[in-house]
Amino acid sequence: MAAPSPSPRPLSGLSDTFLGPALDAFHVDFVPADPQPSWLRWAVATVVSLAGSLGVDAALVAIGKAVFPSTAQFPHFHFSSYAKLTVIGVLIACIGWPVVTRISSRPRWLFLRLAVAVTVVLLLPDVYIWIRGQSAPGVLVLVVMHLAIALVTYNALVRIAPAGESRTATATDTHGGVARA
């Protein structure tokens, strides 16, 4: 008797476990989006995400210092302080995009929700340093920086390195003749 051939989607069996309803709710169906983003476009999107996020950070720090002069010496406004954290976070998001395109037939839908969830979690350290006595205007600028980084990174990835929606997801998720993103 021949051994069964390995499944082309080995993790698809998770849908039959207790995780099934959660996976279904988040469109984690292990059906890769078709077509996948090209590696060249993904690399360009990563560079744009990094440059755009660092540029927006620098602009927001300058605006924050101009609008709130008391934040001129805010320790988190030093380029070396926010740049390393921005680069780490953006690179993680950029690595996440091709992963999401391979586990979901609706990658933009899932990636948007992941971006929102991660951004909310990344606001917790801002809340913590505010509670510990850091300047409220300075922390407000940090919050805006987090939101701006999320917007820049999400849009660069899904627009420069887009992934298609599978025919199954598009056909079953239409409402009034218009597919939802």
Protein backbone atom coordinates (compact mmCIF):
# COMPACT_ATOMS: atom_id res chain seq x y z
CA MET A 1 0.00 0.00 0.00
CA ALA A 2 1.42 3.38 -1.00
CA ALA A 3 1.87 6.12 1.55
CA PRO A 4 -0.54 9.02 1.14
CA SER A 5 0.96 11.96 -0.70
CA PRO A 6 1.68 15.02 1.42
CA SER A 7 -0.94 17.72 1.30
CA PRO A 8 0.00 20.78 -0.77
CA ARG A 9 -1.37 22.82 2.14
CA PRO A 10 -0.21 20.99 5.27
CA LEU A 11 -1.73 23.52 7.70
CA SER A 12 -5.17 23.44 6.09
CA GLY A 13 -6.11 20.66 8.53
CA LEU A 14 -6.19 23.28 11.30
CA SER A 15 -9.58 24.34 9.95
CA ASP A 16 -10.97 21.03 11.24
CA THR A 17 -9.81 21.71 14.81
CA PHE A 18 -11.18 23.95 17.54
CA LEU A 19 -9.33 26.79 15.77
CA GLY A 20 -11.54 26.44 12.71
CA PRO A 21 -14.13 29.10 13.58
CA ALA A 22 -11.45 31.67 14.44
CA LEU A 23 -9.48 30.88 11.30
CA ASP A 24 -12.65 31.20 9.22
CA ALA A 25 -13.55 34.51 10.87
CA PHE A 26 -10.15 35.95 9.97
CA HIS A 27 -10.03 34.41 6.48
CA VAL A 28 -7.01 32.29 7.35
CA ASP A 29 -7.83 29.56 4.87
CA PHE A 30 -4.31 28.66 3.69
CA VAL A 31 -5.33 29.51 0.14
CA PRO A 32 -2.60 31.80 -1.16
CA ALA A 33 -3.73 34.96 -2.87
CA ASP A 34 -3.36 34.75 -6.62
CA PRO A 35 -1.20 36.33 -7.89
CA GLN A 36 1.45 36.69 -5.20
CA PRO A 37 3.38 39.97 -4.94
CA SER A 38 6.66 39.88 -6.85
CA TRP A 39 9.83 39.93 -4.74
CA LEU A 40 11.03 43.03 -6.56
CA ARG A 41 7.83 44.93 -5.80
CA TRP A 42 7.96 43.69 -2.21
CA ALA A 43 11.55 44.97 -1.87
CA VAL A 44 10.56 48.35 -3.30
CA ALA A 45 7.56 48.51 -0.95
CA THR A 46 9.85 47.70 1.99
CA VAL A 47 12.26 50.52 1.07
CA VAL A 48 9.35 52.93 0.59
CA SER A 49 7.87 51.85 3.94
CA LEU A 50 11.16 52.41 5.74
CA ALA A 51 11.96 55.75 4.07
CA GLY A 52 8.39 56.99 4.33
CA SER A 53 8.02 56.01 7.98
CA LEU A 54 11.33 57.58 9.00
CA GLY A 55 10.48 60.71 7.01
CA VAL A 56 7.05 61.00 8.61
CA ASP A 57 8.59 60.40 12.04
CA ALA A 58 11.14 63.21 11.52
CA ALA A 59 8.43 65.56 10.25
CA LEU A 60 6.13 64.79 13.18
CA VAL A 61 8.96 65.32 15.69
CA ALA A 62 9.72 68.70 14.10
CA ILE A 63 6.03 69.64 14.14
CA GLY A 64 5.69 68.38 17.73
CA LYS A 65 8.63 70.50 18.88
CA ALA A 66 7.22 73.56 17.07
CA VAL A 67 3.67 73.13 18.39
CA PHE A 68 4.75 72.02 21.87
CA PRO A 69 8.04 73.84 22.69
CA SER A 70 8.17 72.06 26.04
CA THR A 71 8.97 68.84 24.16
CA ALA A 72 12.23 70.16 22.69
CA GLN A 73 14.23 67.93 25.05
CA PHE A 74 11.80 65.00 25.03
CA PRO A 75 14.10 61.94 25.13
CA HIS A 76 12.03 59.90 22.66
CA PHE A 77 12.39 62.59 19.99
CA HIS A 78 16.04 61.78 19.31
CA PHE A 79 16.45 60.22 15.86
CA SER A 80 18.49 57.35 17.28
CA SER A 81 15.70 56.58 19.76
CA TYR A 82 12.74 56.41 17.38
CA ALA A 83 14.57 55.31 14.22
CA LYS A 84 15.71 51.92 15.51
CA LEU A 85 12.24 51.07 16.80
CA THR A 86 10.63 52.28 13.58
CA VAL A 87 12.99 50.21 11.44
CA ILE A 88 12.40 47.07 13.53
CA GLY A 89 8.61 47.48 13.46
CA VAL A 90 8.43 48.28 9.76
CA LEU A 91 10.68 45.34 8.83
CA ILE A 92 8.49 42.98 10.87
CA ALA A 93 5.39 44.29 9.09
CA CYS A 94 7.08 43.99 5.71
CA ILE A 95 8.05 40.38 6.43
CA GLY A 96 4.49 39.75 7.56
CA TRP A 97 2.90 40.87 4.30
CA PRO A 98 4.12 37.97 2.13
CA VAL A 99 3.26 35.56 4.95
CA VAL A 100 -0.31 36.90 5.06
CA THR A 101 -0.61 36.64 1.26
CA ARG A 102 0.24 32.94 1.54
CA ILE A 103 -2.17 32.02 4.35
CA SER A 104 -5.23 34.00 3.29
CA SER A 105 -7.32 34.32 0.17
CA ARG A 106 -8.19 37.82 1.44
CA PRO A 107 -4.78 39.18 2.42
CA ARG A 108 -5.63 42.89 2.41
CA TRP A 109 -8.61 42.28 4.67
CA LEU A 110 -6.51 40.26 7.13
CA PHE A 111 -3.44 42.51 6.95
CA LEU A 112 -5.51 45.62 7.70
CA ARG A 113 -6.93 44.02 10.82
CA LEU A 114 -3.49 42.80 11.89
CA ALA A 115 -2.07 46.30 11.34
CA VAL A 116 -4.79 47.83 13.51
CA ALA A 117 -4.31 45.22 16.26
CA VAL A 118 -0.53 45.58 16.28
CA THR A 119 -0.77 49.37 16.29
CA VAL A 120 -3.10 49.27 19.30
CA VAL A 121 -0.67 46.98 21.13
CA LEU A 122 2.25 49.27 20.24
CA LEU A 123 0.41 52.19 21.83
CA LEU A 124 0.62 50.49 25.23
CA PRO A 125 4.23 51.59 25.87
CA ASP A 126 3.15 55.16 25.06
CA VAL A 127 0.39 54.91 27.66
CA TYR A 128 2.88 53.41 30.11
CA ILE A 129 5.44 56.22 29.75
CA TRP A 130 2.64 58.80 30.02
CA ILE A 131 1.40 57.19 33.25
CA ARG A 132 5.00 57.16 34.52
CA GLY A 133 5.15 60.95 34.12
CA GLN A 134 6.38 61.67 30.60
CA SER A 135 5.06 64.80 28.94
CA ALA A 136 1.50 64.41 27.60
CA PRO A 137 2.24 66.49 24.44
CA GLY A 138 5.34 64.38 23.78
CA VAL A 139 3.40 61.15 24.20
CA LEU A 140 0.66 62.49 21.94
CA VAL A 141 3.24 63.02 19.19
CA LEU A 142 4.49 59.44 19.73
CA VAL A 143 0.93 58.16 19.32
CA VAL A 144 0.54 60.10 16.08
CA MET A 145 3.90 58.70 14.94
CA HIS A 146 2.67 55.13 15.53
CA LEU A 147 -0.50 55.80 13.56
CA ALA A 148 1.44 57.42 10.70
CA ILE A 149 3.91 54.53 10.51
CA ALA A 150 1.02 52.06 10.29
CA LEU A 151 -0.64 54.06 7.51
CA VAL A 152 2.56 54.46 5.51
CA THR A 153 3.60 50.83 5.85
CA TYR A 154 0.19 49.29 5.16
CA ASN A 155 -0.40 51.44 2.09
CA ALA A 156 3.09 50.95 0.68
CA LEU A 157 2.83 47.18 0.96
CA VAL A 158 -0.68 46.62 -0.34
CA ARG A 159 -0.37 49.18 -3.15
CA ILE A 160 3.21 48.70 -4.34
CA ALA A 161 3.34 44.92 -3.78
CA PRO A 162 -0.31 43.95 -4.18
CA ALA A 163 -1.60 40.42 -3.92
CA GLY A 164 -4.71 39.33 -5.72
CA GLU A 165 -7.77 37.99 -4.05
CA SER A 166 -8.51 34.38 -4.94
CA ARG A 167 -11.52 33.77 -7.15
CA THR A 168 -13.24 31.80 -4.39
CA ALA A 169 -12.99 34.63 -1.85
CA THR A 170 -14.03 37.28 -4.35
CA ALA A 171 -16.96 35.25 -5.65
CA THR A 172 -18.30 34.37 -2.20
CA ASP A 173 -17.69 37.75 -0.56
CA THR A 174 -19.47 40.00 -3.01
CA HIS A 175 -22.28 42.19 -1.86
CA GLY A 176 -24.39 44.02 -4.37
CA GLY A 177 -21.97 43.11 -7.15
CA VAL A 178 -19.01 44.82 -5.45
CA ALA A 179 -16.28 42.75 -3.81
CA ARG A 180 -15.33 43.83 -0.31
CA ALA A 181 -11.66 44.46 0.51
